[in-house]
Amino acid sequence: MNSEFLLAIPSMPELLVILAIVLILFGGASKIPQLMGSFGKGIKNFKKSLKEDEEELNSQKKIDKESDS
């Protein structure tokens, strides 16, 4: 009986398909591009911040090397 219950629970890919269908039906198809645009901007901002932090760290290392010499 326990194995039958476990088979009835949807797995992650099935849940994602269900979520996509719900978003399309209730959120409207016009909001999905807007959502993806915001998601893309967030990723771009995150990468920019990582690059700035890396550049700052490298410049700090350079300053530390020069002061040790």
Protein backbone atom coordinates (compact mmCIF):
# COMPACT_ATOMS: atom_id res chain seq x y z
CA MET A 1 0.00 0.00 0.00
CA ASN A 2 2.86 2.43 0.69
CA SER A 3 4.35 1.93 -2.78
CA GLU A 4 1.00 2.78 -4.39
CA PHE A 5 0.89 6.02 -2.41
CA LEU A 6 4.41 6.97 -3.46
CA LEU A 7 3.56 6.44 -7.13
CA ALA A 8 0.68 8.90 -6.82
CA ILE A 9 2.95 11.79 -5.74
CA PRO A 10 4.08 13.82 -8.77
CA SER A 11 7.83 14.16 -9.27
CA MET A 12 9.67 17.45 -9.84
CA PRO A 13 9.36 17.54 -13.68
CA GLU A 14 5.64 16.82 -13.42
CA LEU A 15 5.24 19.61 -10.85
CA LEU A 16 7.05 22.04 -13.16
CA VAL A 17 4.72 21.19 -16.05
CA ILE A 18 1.69 21.67 -13.80
CA LEU A 19 3.08 24.99 -12.57
CA ALA A 20 3.67 26.16 -16.16
CA ILE A 21 0.10 25.27 -17.12
CA VAL A 22 -1.30 27.10 -14.08
CA LEU A 23 0.80 30.18 -14.90
CA ILE A 24 -0.46 30.23 -18.47
CA LEU A 25 -4.09 29.74 -17.48
CA PHE A 26 -4.29 32.12 -14.53
CA GLY A 27 -1.35 34.47 -15.00
CA GLY A 28 -1.95 35.07 -18.64
CA ALA A 29 0.44 34.39 -21.48
CA SER A 30 1.40 38.07 -21.65
CA LYS A 31 2.95 38.05 -18.19
CA ILE A 32 5.40 35.21 -18.90
CA PRO A 33 7.71 37.31 -21.16
CA GLN A 34 7.62 40.06 -18.55
CA LEU A 35 8.56 37.55 -15.85
CA MET A 36 11.40 36.11 -17.96
CA GLY A 37 12.66 39.64 -18.71
CA SER A 38 12.86 40.39 -15.00
CA PHE A 39 14.60 37.08 -14.43
CA GLY A 40 17.16 37.89 -17.15
CA LYS A 41 17.82 41.34 -15.69
CA GLY A 42 18.39 39.75 -12.29
CA ILE A 43 20.93 37.30 -13.71
CA LYS A 44 22.69 40.10 -15.59
CA ASN A 45 22.87 42.19 -12.42
CA PHE A 46 24.22 39.23 -10.44
CA LYS A 47 26.98 38.57 -13.00
CA LYS A 48 27.89 42.27 -13.05
CA SER A 49 28.21 42.29 -9.26
CA LEU A 50 30.42 39.19 -9.33
CA LYS A 51 32.69 40.80 -11.92
CA GLU A 52 32.95 44.03 -9.91
CA ASP A 53 33.79 42.10 -6.73
CA GLU A 54 36.46 40.12 -8.57
CA GLU A 55 38.00 43.30 -10.00
CA GLU A 56 37.98 44.92 -6.56
CA LEU A 57 39.65 41.87 -5.03
CA ASN A 58 42.32 41.82 -7.75
CA SER A 59 43.06 45.53 -7.29
CA GLN A 60 43.31 45.03 -3.53
CA LYS A 61 45.76 42.14 -4.05
CA LYS A 62 47.82 44.36 -6.36
CA ILE A 63 47.93 47.12 -3.73
CA ASP A 64 48.94 44.61 -1.05
CA LYS A 65 51.77 43.25 -3.24
CA GLU A 66 53.09 46.75 -3.91
CA SER A 67 53.05 47.67 -0.23
CA ASP A 68 54.92 44.47 0.72
CA SER A 69 57.73 45.23 -1.72
